[in-house]
PDB file of N, CA and C in Angstrom:
ATOM      1  N   MET A   1      14.142   1.226   2.745  1.00  0.00           N
ATOM      2  CA  MET A   1      13.420   1.021   1.486  1.00  0.00           C
ATOM      3  C   MET A   1      14.045   1.887   0.390  1.00  0.00           C
ATOM      4  N   LEU A   2      14.348   1.270  -0.718  1.00  0.00           N
ATOM      5  CA  LEU A   2      14.949   2.011  -1.821  1.00  0.00           C
ATOM      6  C   LEU A   2      13.896   2.824  -2.561  1.00  0.00           C
ATOM      7  N   PRO A   3      14.253   4.047  -2.950  1.00  0.00           N
ATOM      8  CA  PRO A   3      13.296   4.846  -3.728  1.00  0.00           C
ATOM      9  C   PRO A   3      13.204   4.318  -5.159  1.00  0.00           C
ATOM     10  N   VAL A   4      12.065   4.544  -5.788  1.00  0.00           N
ATOM     11  CA  VAL A   4      11.903   4.241  -7.208  1.00  0.00           C
ATOM     12  C   VAL A   4      12.280   5.527  -7.924  1.00  0.00           C
ATOM     13  N   MET A   5      13.230   5.447  -8.838  1.00  0.00           N
ATOM     14  CA  MET A   5      13.674   6.668  -9.488  1.00  0.00           C
ATOM     15  C   MET A   5      14.024   6.468 -10.955  1.00  0.00           C
ATOM     16  N   LYS A   6      13.888   7.545 -11.688  1.00  0.00           N
ATOM     17  CA  LYS A   6      14.271   7.578 -13.093  1.00  0.00           C
ATOM     18  C   LYS A   6      15.765   7.885 -13.156  1.00  0.00           C
ATOM     19  N   GLY A   7      16.389   7.561 -14.280  1.00  0.00           N
ATOM     20  CA  GLY A   7      17.812   7.832 -14.449  1.00  0.00           C
ATOM     21  C   GLY A   7      18.152   9.297 -14.253  1.00  0.00           C
ATOM     22  N   LYS A   8      17.324  10.190 -14.805  1.00  0.00           N
ATOM     23  CA  LYS A   8      17.601  11.630 -14.686  1.00  0.00           C
ATOM     24  C   LYS A   8      17.539  12.088 -13.237  1.00  0.00           C
ATOM     25  N   ASP A   9      16.610  11.509 -12.452  1.00  0.00           N
ATOM     26  CA  ASP A   9      16.513  11.857 -11.036  1.00  0.00           C
ATOM     27  C   ASP A   9      17.769  11.401 -10.296  1.00  0.00           C
ATOM     28  N   LEU A  10      18.243  10.202 -10.616  1.00  0.00           N
ATOM     29  CA  LEU A  10      19.440   9.669  -9.972  1.00  0.00           C
ATOM     30  C   LEU A  10      20.646  10.551 -10.304  1.00  0.00           C
ATOM     31  N   ILE A  11      20.755  10.976 -11.551  1.00  0.00           N
ATOM     32  CA  ILE A  11      21.863  11.849 -11.956  1.00  0.00           C
ATOM     33  C   ILE A  11      21.808  13.165 -11.190  1.00  0.00           C
ATOM     34  N   ALA A  12      20.624  13.767 -11.099  1.00  0.00           N
ATOM     35  CA  ALA A  12      20.481  15.040 -10.377  1.00  0.00           C
ATOM     36  C   ALA A  12      20.881  14.875  -8.916  1.00  0.00           C
ATOM     37  N   PHE A  13      20.468  13.764  -8.303  1.00  0.00           N
ATOM     38  CA  PHE A  13      20.834  13.506  -6.909  1.00  0.00           C
ATOM     39  C   PHE A  13      22.345  13.311  -6.770  1.00  0.00           C
ATOM     40  N   LEU A  14      22.932  12.504  -7.656  1.00  0.00           N
ATOM     41  CA  LEU A  14      24.371  12.240  -7.572  1.00  0.00           C
ATOM     42  C   LEU A  14      25.175  13.524  -7.715  1.00  0.00           C
ATOM     43  N   GLU A  15      24.679  14.463  -8.521  1.00  0.00           N
ATOM     44  CA  GLU A  15      25.380  15.736  -8.668  1.00  0.00           C
ATOM     45  C   GLU A  15      25.398  16.502  -7.348  1.00  0.00           C
ATOM     46  N   THR A  16      24.354  16.336  -6.528  1.00  0.00           N
ATOM     47  CA  THR A  16      24.322  17.041  -5.236  1.00  0.00           C
ATOM     48  C   THR A  16      25.272  16.422  -4.222  1.00  0.00           C
ATOM     49  N   ILE A  17      25.699  15.174  -4.447  1.00  0.00           N
ATOM     50  CA  ILE A  17      26.641  14.557  -3.499  1.00  0.00           C
ATOM     51  C   ILE A  17      28.053  14.467  -4.085  1.00  0.00           C
ATOM     52  N   GLY A  18      28.341  15.300  -5.077  1.00  0.00           N
ATOM     53  CA  GLY A  18      29.720  15.435  -5.546  1.00  0.00           C
ATOM     54  C   GLY A  18      30.107  14.704  -6.820  1.00  0.00           C
ATOM     55  N   PHE A  19      29.150  14.147  -7.541  1.00  0.00           N
ATOM     56  CA  PHE A  19      29.464  13.491  -8.812  1.00  0.00           C
ATOM     57  C   PHE A  19      29.234  14.469  -9.957  1.00  0.00           C
ATOM     58  N   THR A  20      30.044  14.340 -11.002  1.00  0.00           N
ATOM     59  CA  THR A  20      29.837  15.155 -12.197  1.00  0.00           C
ATOM     60  C   THR A  20      29.763  14.228 -13.412  1.00  0.00           C
ATOM     61  N   VAL A  21      28.999  14.669 -14.406  1.00  0.00           N
ATOM     62  CA  VAL A  21      28.873  13.896 -15.643  1.00  0.00           C
ATOM     63  C   VAL A  21      30.156  14.084 -16.432  1.00  0.00           C
ATOM     64  N   ILE A  22      30.778  12.980 -16.827  1.00  0.00           N
ATOM     65  CA  ILE A  22      31.999  13.098 -17.628  1.00  0.00           C
ATOM     66  C   ILE A  22      31.763  12.734 -19.092  1.00  0.00           C
ATOM     67  N   ARG A  23      30.750  11.911 -19.347  1.00  0.00           N
ATOM     68  CA  ARG A  23      30.408  11.630 -20.745  1.00  0.00           C
ATOM     69  C   ARG A  23      29.076  10.893 -20.818  1.00  0.00           C
ATOM     70  N   GLN A  24      28.513  10.931 -22.022  1.00  0.00           N
ATOM     71  CA  GLN A  24      27.289  10.171 -22.257  1.00  0.00           C
ATOM     72  C   GLN A  24      27.461   9.423 -23.563  1.00  0.00           C
ATOM     73  N   ARG A  25      27.071   8.151 -23.526  1.00  0.00           N
ATOM     74  CA  ARG A  25      27.149   7.338 -24.736  1.00  0.00           C
ATOM     75  C   ARG A  25      25.792   6.681 -24.903  1.00  0.00           C
ATOM     76  N   GLY A  26      25.046   7.125 -25.882  1.00  0.00           N
ATOM     77  CA  GLY A  26      23.687   6.620 -26.057  1.00  0.00           C
ATOM     78  C   GLY A  26      22.860   6.964 -24.841  1.00  0.00           C
ATOM     79  N   SER A  27      22.256   5.961 -24.223  1.00  0.00           N
ATOM     80  CA  SER A  27      21.395   6.215 -23.074  1.00  0.00           C
ATOM     81  C   SER A  27      22.113   5.982 -21.745  1.00  0.00           C
ATOM     82  N   HIS A  28      23.446   5.927 -21.765  1.00  0.00           N
ATOM     83  CA  HIS A  28      24.202   5.695 -20.542  1.00  0.00           C
ATOM     84  C   HIS A  28      25.079   6.893 -20.212  1.00  0.00           C
ATOM     85  N   VAL A  29      24.926   7.386 -18.987  1.00  0.00           N
ATOM     86  CA  VAL A  29      25.671   8.558 -18.541  1.00  0.00           C
ATOM     87  C   VAL A  29      26.742   8.110 -17.552  1.00  0.00           C
ATOM     88  N   ARG A  30      27.982   8.450 -17.828  1.00  0.00           N
ATOM     89  CA  ARG A  30      29.114   8.087 -16.967  1.00  0.00           C
ATOM     90  C   ARG A  30      29.389   9.271 -16.041  1.00  0.00           C
ATOM     91  N   MET A  31      29.531   8.970 -14.753  1.00  0.00           N
ATOM     92  CA  MET A  31      29.747  10.015 -13.758  1.00  0.00           C
ATOM     93  C   MET A  31      30.969   9.682 -12.908  1.00  0.00           C
ATOM     94  N   LYS A  32      31.604  10.730 -12.381  1.00  0.00           N
ATOM     95  CA  LYS A  32      32.800  10.563 -11.552  1.00  0.00           C
ATOM     96  C   LYS A  32      32.684  11.499 -10.355  1.00  0.00           C
ATOM     97  N   SER A  33      33.154  11.022  -9.192  1.00  0.00           N
ATOM     98  CA  SER A  33      33.162  11.871  -8.007  1.00  0.00           C
ATOM     99  C   SER A  33      34.556  12.456  -7.822  1.00  0.00           C
ATOM    100  N   ASP A  34      34.637  13.475  -6.976  1.00  0.00           N
ATOM    101  CA  ASP A  34      35.922  14.125  -6.704  1.00  0.00           C
ATOM    102  C   ASP A  34      36.935  13.153  -6.115  1.00  0.00           C
ATOM    103  N   ASP A  35      36.442  12.139  -5.376  1.00  0.00           N
ATOM    104  CA  ASP A  35      37.366  11.199  -4.731  1.00  0.00           C
ATOM    105  C   ASP A  35      37.675   9.963  -5.580  1.00  0.00           C
ATOM    106  N   GLY A  36      37.270   9.989  -6.854  1.00  0.00           N
ATOM    107  CA  GLY A  36      37.676   8.924  -7.755  1.00  0.00           C
ATOM    108  C   GLY A  36      36.682   7.796  -7.985  1.00  0.00           C
ATOM    109  N   ARG A  37      35.494   7.873  -7.378  1.00  0.00           N
ATOM    110  CA  ARG A  37      34.496   6.834  -7.624  1.00  0.00           C
ATOM    111  C   ARG A  37      33.817   7.107  -8.971  1.00  0.00           C
ATOM    112  N   TYR A  38      33.448   6.036  -9.665  1.00  0.00           N
ATOM    113  CA  TYR A  38      32.764   6.138 -10.967  1.00  0.00           C
ATOM    114  C   TYR A  38      31.463   5.359 -10.930  1.00  0.00           C
ATOM    115  N   THR A  39      30.500   5.797 -11.721  1.00  0.00           N
ATOM    116  CA  THR A  39      29.289   5.006 -11.920  1.00  0.00           C
ATOM    117  C   THR A  39      28.712   5.317 -13.292  1.00  0.00           C
ATOM    118  N   THR A  40      27.896   4.420 -13.787  1.00  0.00           N
ATOM    119  CA  THR A  40      27.192   4.612 -15.052  1.00  0.00           C
ATOM    120  C   THR A  40      25.709   4.488 -14.768  1.00  0.00           C
ATOM    121  N   VAL A  41      24.952   5.496 -15.222  1.00  0.00           N
ATOM    122  CA  VAL A  41      23.509   5.528 -14.973  1.00  0.00           C
ATOM    123  C   VAL A  41      22.774   5.388 -16.305  1.00  0.00           C
ATOM    124  N   PRO A  42      21.859   4.423 -16.405  1.00  0.00           N
ATOM    125  CA  PRO A  42      21.066   4.303 -17.631  1.00  0.00           C
ATOM    126  C   PRO A  42      19.934   5.331 -17.616  1.00  0.00           C
ATOM    127  N   VAL A  43      19.743   6.005 -18.753  1.00  0.00           N
ATOM    128  CA  VAL A  43      18.648   6.973 -18.855  1.00  0.00           C
ATOM    129  C   VAL A  43      17.762   6.527 -20.008  1.00  0.00           C
ATOM    130  N   HIS A  44      16.792   5.683 -19.674  1.00  0.00           N
ATOM    131  CA  HIS A  44      15.856   5.190 -20.678  1.00  0.00           C
ATOM    132  C   HIS A  44      14.542   5.917 -20.474  1.00  0.00           C
ATOM    133  N   HIS A  45      14.105   6.631 -21.480  1.00  0.00           N
ATOM    134  CA  HIS A  45      12.933   7.503 -21.391  1.00  0.00           C
ATOM    135  C   HIS A  45      11.730   6.793 -20.773  1.00  0.00           C
ATOM    136  N   GLY A  46      11.231   7.367 -19.688  1.00  0.00           N
ATOM    137  CA  GLY A  46      10.025   6.848 -19.059  1.00  0.00           C
ATOM    138  C   GLY A  46      10.211   5.602 -18.211  1.00  0.00           C
ATOM    139  N   GLU A  47      11.437   5.105 -18.083  1.00  0.00           N
ATOM    140  CA  GLU A  47      11.656   3.886 -17.300  1.00  0.00           C
ATOM    141  C   GLU A  47      12.414   4.184 -16.012  1.00  0.00           C
ATOM    142  N   ASP A  48      12.062   3.451 -14.960  1.00  0.00           N
ATOM    143  CA  ASP A  48      12.772   3.571 -13.696  1.00  0.00           C
ATOM    144  C   ASP A  48      14.074   2.765 -13.774  1.00  0.00           C
ATOM    145  N   VAL A  49      15.050   3.154 -12.957  1.00  0.00           N
ATOM    146  CA  VAL A  49      16.275   2.370 -12.839  1.00  0.00           C
ATOM    147  C   VAL A  49      15.895   1.072 -12.130  1.00  0.00           C
ATOM    148  N   PRO A  50      16.219  -0.082 -12.707  1.00  0.00           N
ATOM    149  CA  PRO A  50      15.856  -1.356 -12.058  1.00  0.00           C
ATOM    150  C   PRO A  50      16.435  -1.447 -10.636  1.00  0.00           C
ATOM    151  N   LYS A  51      15.646  -2.007  -9.723  1.00  0.00           N
ATOM    152  CA  LYS A  51      16.035  -2.095  -8.310  1.00  0.00           C
ATOM    153  C   LYS A  51      17.399  -2.753  -8.105  1.00  0.00           C
ATOM    154  N   GLY A  52      17.643  -3.860  -8.788  1.00  0.00           N
ATOM    155  CA  GLY A  52      18.912  -4.573  -8.639  1.00  0.00           C
ATOM    156  C   GLY A  52      20.088  -3.723  -9.079  1.00  0.00           C
ATOM    157  N   LEU A  53      19.927  -2.996 -10.167  1.00  0.00           N
ATOM    158  CA  LEU A  53      20.989  -2.129 -10.666  1.00  0.00           C
ATOM    159  C   LEU A  53      21.215  -0.961  -9.705  1.00  0.00           C
ATOM    160  N   LEU A  54      20.128  -0.385  -9.198  1.00  0.00           N
ATOM    161  CA  LEU A  54      20.245   0.712  -8.237  1.00  0.00           C
ATOM    162  C   LEU A  54      21.010   0.241  -7.001  1.00  0.00           C
ATOM    163  N   ARG A  55      20.678  -0.952  -6.529  1.00  0.00           N
ATOM    164  CA  ARG A  55      21.353  -1.540  -5.363  1.00  0.00           C
ATOM    165  C   ARG A  55      22.858  -1.716  -5.652  1.00  0.00           C
ATOM    166  N   LYS A  56      23.189  -2.199  -6.848  1.00  0.00           N
ATOM    167  CA  LYS A  56      24.590  -2.390  -7.249  1.00  0.00           C
ATOM    168  C   LYS A  56      25.313  -1.046  -7.313  1.00  0.00           C
ATOM    169  N   ILE A  57      24.677  -0.047  -7.901  1.00  0.00           N
ATOM    170  CA  ILE A  57      25.277   1.292  -7.994  1.00  0.00           C
ATOM    171  C   ILE A  57      25.565   1.837  -6.597  1.00  0.00           C
ATOM    172  N   ILE A  58      24.604   1.709  -5.683  1.00  0.00           N
ATOM    173  CA  ILE A  58      24.765   2.234  -4.326  1.00  0.00           C
ATOM    174  C   ILE A  58      25.901   1.528  -3.602  1.00  0.00           C
ATOM    175  N   ARG A  59      25.877   0.196  -3.593  1.00  0.00           N
ATOM    176  CA  ARG A  59      26.864  -0.575  -2.831  1.00  0.00           C
ATOM    177  C   ARG A  59      28.260  -0.532  -3.438  1.00  0.00           C
ATOM    178  N   GLU A  60      28.348  -0.809  -4.738  1.00  0.00           N
ATOM    179  CA  GLU A  60      29.662  -0.973  -5.361  1.00  0.00           C
ATOM    180  C   GLU A  60      30.252   0.316  -5.912  1.00  0.00           C
ATOM    181  N   ASP A  61      29.438   1.126  -6.566  1.00  0.00           N
ATOM    182  CA  ASP A  61      29.959   2.336  -7.206  1.00  0.00           C
ATOM    183  C   ASP A  61      30.032   3.512  -6.228  1.00  0.00           C
ATOM    184  N   LEU A  62      28.960   3.732  -5.469  1.00  0.00           N
ATOM    185  CA  LEU A  62      28.936   4.852  -4.529  1.00  0.00           C
ATOM    186  C   LEU A  62      29.618   4.497  -3.213  1.00  0.00           C
ATOM    187  N   GLU A  63      29.778   3.188  -2.961  1.00  0.00           N
ATOM    188  CA  GLU A  63      30.365   2.696  -1.719  1.00  0.00           C
ATOM    189  C   GLU A  63      29.600   3.227  -0.499  1.00  0.00           C
ATOM    190  N   MET A  64      28.269   3.177  -0.586  1.00  0.00           N
ATOM    191  CA  MET A  64      27.391   3.614   0.499  1.00  0.00           C
ATOM    192  C   MET A  64      26.552   2.422   0.947  1.00  0.00           C
ATOM    193  N   THR A  65      26.032   2.506   2.167  1.00  0.00           N
ATOM    194  CA  THR A  65      25.056   1.502   2.571  1.00  0.00           C
ATOM    195  C   THR A  65      23.712   1.932   1.997  1.00  0.00           C
ATOM    196  N   LEU A  66      22.803   0.986   1.886  1.00  0.00           N
ATOM    197  CA  LEU A  66      21.465   1.323   1.372  1.00  0.00           C
ATOM    198  C   LEU A  66      20.797   2.329   2.296  1.00  0.00           C
ATOM    199  N   GLU A  67      21.037   2.201   3.616  1.00  0.00           N
ATOM    200  CA  GLU A  67      20.430   3.108   4.592  1.00  0.00           C
ATOM    201  C   GLU A  67      20.963   4.525   4.411  1.00  0.00           C
ATOM    202  N   ASP A  68      22.283   4.657   4.246  1.00  0.00           N
ATOM    203  CA  ASP A  68      22.879   5.982   4.058  1.00  0.00           C
ATOM    204  C   ASP A  68      22.350   6.631   2.780  1.00  0.00           C
ATOM    205  N   PHE A  69      22.231   5.831   1.733  1.00  0.00           N
ATOM    206  CA  PHE A  69      21.717   6.360   0.475  1.00  0.00           C
ATOM    207  C   PHE A  69      20.283   6.847   0.646  1.00  0.00           C
ATOM    208  N   ALA A  70      19.435   6.016   1.263  1.00  0.00           N
ATOM    209  CA  ALA A  70      18.024   6.373   1.449  1.00  0.00           C
ATOM    210  C   ALA A  70      17.905   7.652   2.275  1.00  0.00           C
ATOM    211  N   GLU A  71      18.738   7.778   3.312  1.00  0.00           N
ATOM    212  CA  GLU A  71      18.722   8.965   4.172  1.00  0.00           C
ATOM    213  C   GLU A  71      19.145  10.214   3.384  1.00  0.00           C
ATOM    214  N   ALA A  72      20.225  10.098   2.630  1.00  0.00           N
ATOM    215  CA  ALA A  72      20.714  11.230   1.832  1.00  0.00           C
ATOM    216  C   ALA A  72      19.688  11.618   0.768  1.00  0.00           C
ATOM    217  N   TYR A  73      19.043  10.633   0.169  1.00  0.00           N
ATOM    218  CA  TYR A  73      18.046  10.917  -0.869  1.00  0.00           C
ATOM    219  C   TYR A  73      16.820  11.596  -0.262  1.00  0.00           C
ATOM    220  N   GLU A  74      16.427  11.191   0.933  1.00  0.00           N
ATOM    221  CA  GLU A  74      15.295  11.835   1.610  1.00  0.00           C
ATOM    222  C   GLU A  74      15.587  13.295   1.880  1.00  0.00           C
ATOM    223  N   LYS A  75      16.802  13.587   2.355  1.00  0.00           N
ATOM    224  CA  LYS A  75      17.204  14.981   2.608  1.00  0.00           C
ATOM    225  C   LYS A  75      17.175  15.766   1.311  1.00  0.00           C
ATOM    226  N   TYR A  76      17.668  15.151   0.244  1.00  0.00           N
ATOM    227  CA  TYR A  76      17.698  15.796  -1.077  1.00  0.00           C
ATOM    228  C   TYR A  76      16.274  16.133  -1.524  1.00  0.00           C
ATOM    229  N   GLN A  77      15.343  15.209  -1.296  1.00  0.00           N
ATOM    230  CA  GLN A  77      13.957  15.423  -1.689  1.00  0.00           C
ATOM    231  C   GLN A  77      13.312  16.550  -0.895  1.00  0.00           C
ATOM    232  N   GLY A  78      13.788  16.739   0.327  1.00  0.00           N
ATOM    233  CA  GLY A  78      13.218  17.740   1.207  1.00  0.00           C
ATOM    234  C   GLY A  78      13.574  19.169   0.883  1.00  0.00           C
ATOM    235  N   HIS A  79      14.605  19.380   0.060  1.00  0.00           N
ATOM    236  CA  HIS A  79      15.003  20.780  -0.209  1.00  0.00           C
ATOM    237  C   HIS A  79      14.220  21.415  -1.316  1.00  0.00           C
TER     238      HIS A  79
END
């Protein structure tokens, strides 16, 4: 099951798994990992990241399975 999350929460989580913010343009934050993966996270005040977009970010940008992402996010929440 995918978590419901705000853009800022997703950014904070991605930073814990090796992504850094490289730029922000309006409400979109561009991030890059040490191994060359990129993603763009929308940060719209008070809105959750849409499920379909979150799924696309996980599969295509992070190159993770939904299960691996959910597991890593649960561990992140636990600290």
